[in-house]
Protein backbone atom coordinates (compact mmCIF):
# COMPACT_ATOMS: atom_id res chain seq x y z
CA UNK A 1 119.03 108.50 119.06
CA UNK A 2 115.60 107.04 118.31
CA UNK A 3 113.70 105.05 120.88
CA UNK A 4 113.18 101.42 119.89
CA UNK A 5 109.57 100.28 120.25
CA UNK A 6 108.16 96.79 119.73
CA UNK A 7 104.42 96.71 119.18
CA UNK A 8 102.80 93.29 119.62
CA UNK A 9 99.47 92.92 117.81
CA UNK A 10 96.83 90.41 118.97
CA UNK A 11 93.98 89.44 116.64
CA UNK A 12 90.46 88.77 117.85
CA UNK A 13 88.03 85.86 117.73
CA UNK A 14 87.81 83.87 114.47
CA UNK A 15 90.53 86.09 112.96
CA UNK A 16 93.76 84.10 112.96
CA UNK A 17 94.68 85.53 109.56
CA UNK A 18 93.57 89.10 110.27
CA UNK A 19 95.23 91.35 107.71
CA UNK A 20 95.51 94.32 110.07
CA UNK A 21 97.96 92.48 112.35
CA UNK A 22 100.50 91.91 109.57
CA UNK A 23 103.60 94.11 109.77
CA UNK A 24 103.00 95.44 106.25
CA UNK A 25 99.31 96.27 106.80
CA UNK A 26 97.81 99.70 106.25
CA UNK A 27 96.97 99.83 109.95
CA UNK A 28 100.60 99.38 111.01
CA UNK A 29 101.79 101.96 108.50
CA UNK A 30 99.12 104.38 109.67
CA UNK A 31 99.91 104.28 113.40
CA UNK A 32 103.68 104.39 112.81
CA UNK A 33 103.38 107.33 110.40
CA UNK A 34 105.12 110.42 111.72
CA UNK A 35 106.55 108.78 114.83
CA UNK A 36 110.12 109.68 115.78
CA UNK A 37 110.60 106.21 117.29
CA UNK A 38 112.07 103.15 115.60
CA UNK A 39 108.95 100.95 115.57
CA UNK A 40 108.80 97.27 114.76
CA UNK A 41 105.71 95.03 114.80
CA UNK A 42 105.26 91.47 115.95
CA UNK A 43 102.12 89.44 115.47
CA UNK A 44 100.96 87.22 118.33
CA UNK A 45 98.86 84.32 117.09
CA UNK A 46 96.45 82.24 119.15
CA UNK A 47 93.59 79.84 118.37
CA UNK A 48 91.02 82.61 117.95
CA UNK A 49 88.23 80.39 119.29
CA UNK A 50 85.45 81.96 121.34
CA UNK A 51 86.51 80.07 124.42
CA UNK A 52 87.66 81.43 127.76
CA UNK A 53 90.08 78.55 128.31
CA UNK A 54 91.76 79.30 124.96
CA UNK A 55 92.12 82.95 125.95
CA UNK A 56 93.61 81.99 129.31
CA UNK A 57 96.16 79.72 127.62
CA UNK A 58 96.93 82.47 125.11
CA UNK A 59 97.52 84.92 127.99
CA UNK A 60 100.14 82.62 129.50
CA UNK A 61 101.77 82.18 126.08
CA UNK A 62 101.75 85.95 125.61
CA UNK A 63 103.54 86.32 128.94
CA UNK A 64 106.29 84.02 127.68
CA UNK A 65 106.48 85.90 124.37
CA UNK A 66 106.81 89.30 126.03
CA UNK A 67 109.38 87.95 128.48
CA UNK A 68 111.44 86.63 125.57
CA UNK A 69 111.14 89.99 123.81
CA UNK A 70 112.40 91.68 126.94
CA UNK A 71 115.33 89.30 127.18
CA UNK A 72 116.37 89.81 123.55
CA UNK A 73 115.70 93.56 123.41
CA UNK A 74 116.16 94.94 126.93
CA UNK A 75 116.44 98.54 125.69
CA UNK A 76 113.22 98.47 123.66
CA UNK A 77 109.86 99.70 124.93
CA UNK A 78 107.08 97.16 124.61
CA UNK A 79 103.54 98.09 123.59
CA UNK A 80 100.69 95.61 123.12
CA UNK A 81 97.57 96.19 121.01
CA UNK A 82 94.64 93.77 121.17
CA UNK A 83 91.45 93.82 119.14
CA UNK A 84 88.17 92.35 120.41
CA UNK A 85 88.95 89.17 122.38
CA UNK A 86 92.59 89.69 121.48
CA UNK A 87 92.21 92.48 124.03
CA UNK A 88 90.68 89.92 126.38
CA UNK A 89 93.86 87.85 126.03
CA UNK A 90 95.81 90.98 126.94
CA UNK A 91 93.49 91.64 129.90
CA UNK A 92 93.96 88.09 131.18
CA UNK A 93 97.72 88.59 130.87
CA UNK A 94 97.53 91.67 133.10
CA UNK A 95 95.18 90.11 135.66
CA UNK A 96 97.10 86.81 135.87
CA UNK A 97 100.57 88.38 135.58
CA UNK A 98 100.14 91.91 137.01
CA UNK A 99 103.90 92.60 136.90
CA UNK A 100 103.57 93.14 133.14
CA UNK A 101 101.50 96.28 133.79
CA UNK A 102 104.76 97.94 134.85
CA UNK A 103 107.00 96.13 132.37
CA UNK A 104 105.16 97.08 129.17
CA UNK A 105 105.05 100.74 128.19
CA UNK A 106 101.40 100.68 127.17
CA UNK A 107 98.43 98.48 126.29
CA UNK A 108 95.68 99.39 123.81
CA UNK A 109 92.28 97.67 123.85
CA UNK A 110 90.35 98.03 120.60
CA UNK A 111 86.63 97.16 120.82
CA UNK A 112 87.40 94.84 123.73
CA UNK A 113 84.53 93.60 125.93
CA UNK A 114 85.48 93.49 129.60
CA UNK A 115 83.81 90.75 131.60
CA UNK A 116 82.93 90.99 135.27
CA UNK A 117 81.78 87.81 136.98
CA UNK A 118 80.42 87.05 140.43
CA UNK A 119 78.68 84.11 142.12
CA UNK A 120 74.90 84.26 141.97
CA UNK A 121 73.48 85.34 145.35
CA UNK A 122 71.49 82.07 145.43
CA UNK A 123 73.94 79.97 143.41
CA UNK A 124 73.57 76.84 145.55
CA UNK A 125 69.78 76.86 145.28
CA UNK A 126 69.96 77.41 141.52
CA UNK A 127 72.41 74.51 141.18
CA UNK A 128 70.16 72.19 143.22
CA UNK A 129 66.94 73.10 141.40
CA UNK A 130 68.60 72.90 137.98
CA UNK A 131 70.05 69.48 138.78
CA UNK A 132 66.69 68.15 139.99
CA UNK A 133 64.85 69.63 136.99
CA UNK A 134 67.31 68.04 134.56
CA UNK A 135 67.05 64.68 136.32
CA UNK A 136 63.27 64.85 136.41
CA UNK A 137 62.95 65.61 132.70
CA UNK A 138 65.47 62.86 132.00
CA UNK A 139 63.38 60.44 134.08
CA UNK A 140 60.22 61.38 132.16
CA UNK A 141 62.01 60.92 128.83
CA UNK A 142 63.50 57.55 129.83
CA UNK A 143 60.12 56.40 131.15
CA UNK A 144 58.40 57.32 127.89
CA UNK A 145 61.07 55.51 125.84
CA UNK A 146 60.96 52.37 127.99
CA UNK A 147 57.17 52.32 128.01
CA UNK A 148 57.17 52.56 124.22
CA UNK A 149 59.68 49.69 123.97
CA UNK A 150 57.61 47.64 126.39
CA UNK A 151 54.41 48.14 124.38
CA UNK A 152 56.19 47.35 121.10
CA UNK A 153 57.72 44.18 122.56
CA UNK A 154 54.36 43.00 123.88
CA UNK A 155 52.47 43.64 120.67
CA UNK A 156 55.12 41.86 118.63
CA UNK A 157 54.88 38.80 120.88
CA UNK A 158 58.24 39.27 122.65
CA UNK A 159 56.82 39.18 126.18
CA UNK A 160 60.12 38.11 127.75
CA UNK A 161 61.78 41.23 126.36
CA UNK A 162 58.79 43.25 127.54
CA UNK A 163 59.24 41.87 131.03
CA UNK A 164 62.90 42.83 131.08
CA UNK A 165 62.06 46.37 129.97
CA UNK A 166 59.29 46.53 132.58
CA UNK A 167 61.78 45.58 135.28
CA UNK A 168 64.22 48.27 134.14
CA UNK A 169 61.40 50.83 134.03
CA UNK A 170 60.33 49.99 137.56
CA UNK A 171 63.91 50.43 138.75
CA UNK A 172 64.11 53.86 137.10
CA UNK A 173 60.89 55.04 138.71
CA UNK A 174 61.61 53.65 142.16
CA UNK A 175 65.27 54.72 142.18
CA UNK A 176 64.68 58.32 141.08
CA UNK A 177 63.88 59.79 144.54
CA UNK A 178 66.92 58.19 146.12
CA UNK A 179 69.19 59.41 143.27
CA UNK A 180 67.95 62.98 143.77
CA UNK A 181 68.49 62.87 147.52
CA UNK A 182 71.96 61.39 147.07
CA UNK A 183 72.97 64.11 144.63
CA UNK A 184 71.37 66.74 146.84
CA UNK A 185 73.61 65.75 149.72
CA UNK A 186 76.72 65.68 147.53
CA UNK A 187 77.07 69.29 146.38
CA UNK A 188 79.71 69.09 143.62
CA UNK A 189 81.33 72.44 144.43
CA UNK A 190 81.89 74.85 147.29
CA UNK A 191 81.53 78.59 147.75
CA UNK A 192 85.30 79.12 147.52
CA UNK A 193 85.44 77.22 144.21
CA UNK A 194 82.67 79.39 142.76
CA UNK A 195 84.43 82.54 143.96
CA UNK A 196 87.69 81.40 142.37
CA UNK A 197 85.87 80.58 139.13
CA UNK A 198 84.30 84.05 139.02
CA UNK A 199 87.66 85.71 139.65
CA UNK A 200 89.29 83.62 136.92
CA UNK A 201 86.65 84.66 134.37
CA UNK A 202 86.80 88.39 135.14
CA UNK A 203 88.82 90.78 132.99
CA UNK A 204 87.51 93.96 134.63
CA UNK A 205 90.17 94.24 137.33
CA UNK A 206 93.28 95.51 135.61
CA UNK A 207 96.27 96.76 137.56
CA UNK A 208 97.14 100.42 136.97
CA UNK A 209 99.08 101.11 133.80
CA UNK A 210 99.17 103.14 130.56
CA UNK A 211 96.04 102.07 128.71
CA UNK A 212 93.97 103.09 125.71
CA UNK A 213 90.34 101.98 125.54
CA UNK A 214 88.97 102.61 122.06
CA UNK A 215 85.54 101.94 120.61
CA UNK A 216 83.79 102.98 117.41
CA UNK A 217 80.06 103.51 116.95
CA UNK A 218 78.28 100.70 115.10
CA UNK A 219 79.99 97.64 116.58
CA UNK A 220 77.77 94.61 115.92
CA UNK A 221 79.76 92.40 118.29
CA UNK A 222 79.08 94.81 121.15
CA UNK A 223 75.37 94.74 120.29
CA UNK A 224 75.36 90.93 120.32
CA UNK A 225 77.03 90.77 123.74
CA UNK A 226 74.59 93.33 125.10
CA UNK A 227 71.72 91.14 123.90
CA UNK A 228 73.30 88.13 125.61
CA UNK A 229 73.75 90.16 128.78
CA UNK A 230 70.07 91.16 128.74
CA UNK A 231 69.09 87.49 128.35
CA UNK A 232 71.22 86.59 131.33
CA UNK A 233 69.74 89.46 133.35
CA UNK A 234 66.22 88.38 132.43
CA UNK A 235 66.94 84.83 133.58
CA UNK A 236 68.34 86.11 136.85
CA UNK A 237 65.13 88.04 137.48
CA UNK A 238 62.99 85.03 136.63
CA UNK A 239 65.05 82.82 138.94
CA UNK A 240 64.77 85.38 141.74
CA UNK A 241 60.97 85.48 141.47
CA UNK A 242 60.40 81.75 141.00
CA UNK A 243 62.80 80.69 143.74
CA UNK A 244 61.50 83.03 146.46
CA UNK A 245 59.42 80.31 148.20
CA UNK A 246 62.53 78.14 148.45
CA UNK A 247 64.50 80.68 150.45
CA UNK A 248 62.57 80.00 153.64
CA UNK A 249 62.97 76.27 153.12
CA UNK A 250 66.66 76.63 152.37
CA UNK A 251 67.18 78.05 155.86
CA UNK A 252 65.91 74.77 157.28
CA UNK A 253 67.75 71.78 155.77
CA UNK A 254 65.19 69.30 157.13
CA UNK A 255 62.22 71.07 155.51
CA UNK A 256 64.15 71.49 152.29
CA UNK A 257 64.95 67.77 152.08
CA UNK A 258 61.35 66.91 153.06
CA UNK A 259 59.93 68.98 150.19
CA UNK A 260 62.41 67.49 147.73
CA UNK A 261 61.50 64.00 148.95
CA UNK A 262 57.75 64.64 148.61
CA UNK A 263 58.14 66.08 145.09
CA UNK A 264 60.41 63.33 143.80
CA UNK A 265 58.39 60.51 145.39
CA UNK A 266 55.21 62.00 143.91
CA UNK A 267 56.86 62.08 140.50
CA UNK A 268 57.99 58.46 140.75
CA UNK A 269 54.63 57.42 142.28
CA UNK A 270 52.64 58.86 139.38
CA UNK A 271 55.02 57.18 136.95
CA UNK A 272 54.26 53.80 138.55
CA UNK A 273 50.51 54.56 138.56
CA UNK A 274 50.50 55.41 134.87
CA UNK A 275 52.49 52.30 133.92
CA UNK A 276 50.52 49.85 136.04
CA UNK A 277 47.09 51.25 135.22
CA UNK A 278 48.06 51.01 131.57
CA UNK A 279 49.07 47.37 132.07
CA UNK A 280 45.85 46.54 133.87
CA UNK A 281 43.41 48.27 131.53
CA UNK A 282 45.08 48.24 128.11
CA UNK A 283 47.78 45.55 128.12
CA UNK A 284 46.56 43.02 130.73
CA UNK A 285 48.75 40.22 129.37
CA UNK A 286 51.97 42.17 129.51
CA UNK A 287 52.64 41.44 133.17
CA UNK A 288 52.53 37.68 132.53
CA UNK A 289 55.48 35.61 131.34
CA UNK A 290 57.95 38.19 132.59
CA UNK A 291 61.62 37.38 132.83
CA UNK A 292 61.60 37.18 136.63
CA UNK A 293 58.51 35.84 138.36
CA UNK A 294 59.18 37.81 141.54
CA UNK A 295 58.95 41.02 139.54
CA UNK A 296 55.47 40.00 138.38
CA UNK A 297 54.38 39.28 141.94
CA UNK A 298 55.69 42.60 143.27
CA UNK A 299 54.09 44.52 140.42
CA UNK A 300 50.82 42.66 140.92
CA UNK A 301 50.76 43.67 144.58
CA UNK A 302 51.43 47.29 143.69
CA UNK A 303 48.85 47.04 140.92
CA UNK A 304 46.13 45.89 143.31
CA UNK A 305 47.02 48.60 145.80
CA UNK A 306 47.14 51.42 143.28
CA UNK A 307 44.13 50.42 141.15
CA UNK A 308 42.04 49.95 144.31
CA UNK A 309 42.86 53.49 145.41
CA UNK A 310 43.05 55.12 141.97
CA UNK A 311 40.25 57.54 142.79
CA UNK A 312 41.55 58.26 146.26
CA UNK A 313 43.31 61.40 147.42
CA UNK A 314 46.95 60.29 147.31
CA UNK A 315 47.15 59.36 143.60
CA UNK A 316 45.16 62.46 142.63
CA UNK A 317 47.41 64.72 144.68
CA UNK A 318 50.45 62.90 143.33
CA UNK A 319 49.30 63.44 139.77
CA UNK A 320 48.76 67.15 140.46
CA UNK A 321 52.26 67.43 141.92
CA UNK A 322 53.66 65.50 138.96
CA UNK A 323 52.08 67.87 136.41
CA UNK A 324 53.18 70.93 138.38
CA UNK A 325 56.77 69.67 138.70
CA UNK A 326 56.83 68.74 135.00
CA UNK A 327 55.73 72.23 133.90
CA UNK A 328 58.06 73.93 136.37
CA UNK A 329 61.02 71.80 135.27
CA UNK A 330 60.35 72.44 131.59
CA UNK A 331 60.11 76.22 132.08
CA UNK A 332 63.15 76.27 134.37
CA UNK A 333 65.28 74.40 131.85
CA UNK A 334 64.13 76.70 129.04
CA UNK A 335 65.25 79.72 131.05
CA UNK A 336 68.43 77.93 132.04
CA UNK A 337 69.15 77.15 128.37
CA UNK A 338 68.85 80.87 127.62
CA UNK A 339 71.38 81.56 130.36
CA UNK A 340 73.70 78.83 129.06
CA UNK A 341 73.57 80.33 125.55
CA UNK A 342 74.29 83.75 127.04
CA UNK A 343 77.37 82.41 128.79
CA UNK A 344 78.37 80.63 125.59
CA UNK A 345 78.45 83.96 123.77
CA UNK A 346 80.99 85.11 126.34
CA UNK A 347 83.09 82.03 125.64
CA UNK A 348 82.15 79.93 128.65
CA UNK A 349 79.82 76.97 128.11
CA UNK A 350 79.77 74.83 131.22
CA UNK A 351 76.80 73.88 133.37
CA UNK A 352 78.76 74.87 136.46
CA UNK A 353 79.32 78.40 135.19
CA UNK A 354 75.76 78.88 133.92
CA UNK A 355 74.26 77.66 137.19
CA UNK A 356 76.47 79.52 139.62
CA UNK A 357 77.97 82.59 137.93
CA UNK A 358 76.53 85.91 136.77
CA UNK A 359 78.38 87.60 133.89
CA UNK A 360 78.17 91.18 132.63
CA UNK A 361 80.02 92.93 129.82
CA UNK A 362 81.43 96.44 130.21
CA UNK A 363 83.14 98.93 127.89
CA UNK A 364 85.99 99.61 130.32
CA UNK A 365 87.39 97.83 133.41
CA UNK A 366 86.53 98.74 136.99
CA UNK A 367 87.91 102.03 138.24
CA UNK A 368 88.41 105.44 136.66
CA UNK A 369 89.37 105.26 132.98
CA UNK A 370 89.10 107.36 129.84
CA UNK A 371 87.12 105.78 127.00
CA UNK A 372 87.88 107.08 123.52
CA UNK A 373 84.69 106.72 121.48
CA UNK A 374 84.99 107.42 117.76
CA UNK A 375 81.84 108.20 115.70
CA UNK A 376 80.84 106.44 112.51
CA UNK A 377 82.98 107.15 109.49
CA UNK A 378 81.12 108.83 106.65
CA UNK A 379 81.88 105.92 104.29
CA UNK A 380 80.67 103.25 106.74
CA UNK A 381 77.51 101.56 105.47
CA UNK A 382 77.03 98.76 107.97
CA UNK A 383 77.78 97.83 111.54
CA UNK A 384 81.40 96.74 111.71
CA UNK A 385 83.49 95.21 114.46
CA UNK A 386 86.59 96.05 112.39
CA UNK A 387 86.11 99.81 112.58
CA UNK A 388 88.68 100.31 115.33
CA UNK A 389 91.50 99.48 112.92
CA UNK A 390 89.83 100.71 109.71
CA UNK A 391 88.27 104.02 110.71
CA UNK A 392 90.79 106.82 109.99
CA UNK A 393 89.76 108.72 113.12
CA UNK A 394 90.33 105.59 115.19
CA UNK A 395 93.81 104.99 113.76
CA UNK A 396 94.61 108.66 114.33
CA UNK A 397 93.58 108.28 117.99
CA UNK A 398 95.81 105.21 118.33
CA UNK A 399 98.71 107.08 116.70
CA UNK A 400 98.31 110.05 119.07
CA UNK A 401 98.21 107.72 122.08
CA UNK A 402 101.26 105.85 120.80
CA UNK A 403 103.20 109.09 120.41
CA UNK A 404 102.30 110.12 123.97
CA UNK A 405 103.54 106.77 125.28
CA UNK A 406 106.80 107.11 123.32
CA UNK A 407 107.30 110.63 124.68
CA UNK A 408 106.85 109.36 128.23
CA UNK A 409 109.30 106.51 127.56
CA UNK A 410 111.86 108.95 126.20
CA UNK A 411 111.40 111.19 129.22
CA UNK A 412 111.92 108.27 131.59
CA UNK A 413 115.01 107.15 129.68
CA UNK A 414 116.50 110.63 129.71
CA UNK A 415 115.94 110.73 133.46
CA UNK A 416 117.57 107.32 133.89
CA UNK A 417 114.23 105.60 134.55
CA UNK A 418 112.83 102.36 133.22
CA UNK A 419 110.53 102.39 130.19
């Protein structure tokens, strides 16, 4: 009596209509050829988007699908084959529902990238500096926009509107340091949350089971992820070098807050200096006829104070700090954007993840595993992520593995065991 085997096929990213996963495909015929088992194929469809959350949802749906298969066909052996991030869906199934590692007879991962994630060693510092840099660049951009609106309103004769904009601009500049300190004291996440997030993203920690890990030379998707991983590694090194001076400060909360206060006040101070000196020397009539007279009086007092000491040490030092913080923030955000894009290539595109999590891609999960690496096929002309189900040597390797799994299932059944 033949052993009944149900093989569930999971397509990869952007491949909802992948031809190979159809029951009548050449791939299915090839791996079933010569088997003494009664093999049937089922196609598991999911969104196919390059998004970790979609893969997590698909993993839970796959768990329900396999459980229903088991209920309807209790005597059949179940085998699951996933290609690319279809294999990631399968990996998330096994990490989130480890009981399936013993329920299914085997799982094959074709050109699947395995992700390992961990919190950055200095994740809290990176989160704080990134937040401040983003806020600072936002403040500079808003200041430039408001100053432009104020100048345009004045030159067009709308001095009341210019006064309103001037009041808003003053509030932005004066309120910036207090906003930074408030956000600094309200860390939006904790160490345990970051650890849980890293664990949820990882697919490298599979429970023991019967697995096939198959790759073929010339996989362009693997090359792209390796490039993204290098970018992320490069950013981590840059962050480690640039943030070294902060480590000593981070050990002393008072000194850390003092430095943040000095930097942010200097930034806001220089903003006020630039605006008021501009008003005094270029647009002297702009401060008159403002919407609220008390605003004019306050600004006039600040104007007299600042213009009188324009050549003194404090404004000069403040301007130096402002320029230094501006350049540092711009470079930091450029590097951070590279990291964000790297994480996006893995399917995770949140600020929280990019700030606090390090991601790496591996060919196999953690532990001791056998990787079957097939060379280029003689007819292959280009890099191809589809080689694992098109290359004849690859399909032959899958067929041999499938036959070995079926033999083990038959042996267990003959001994009264469970498949």
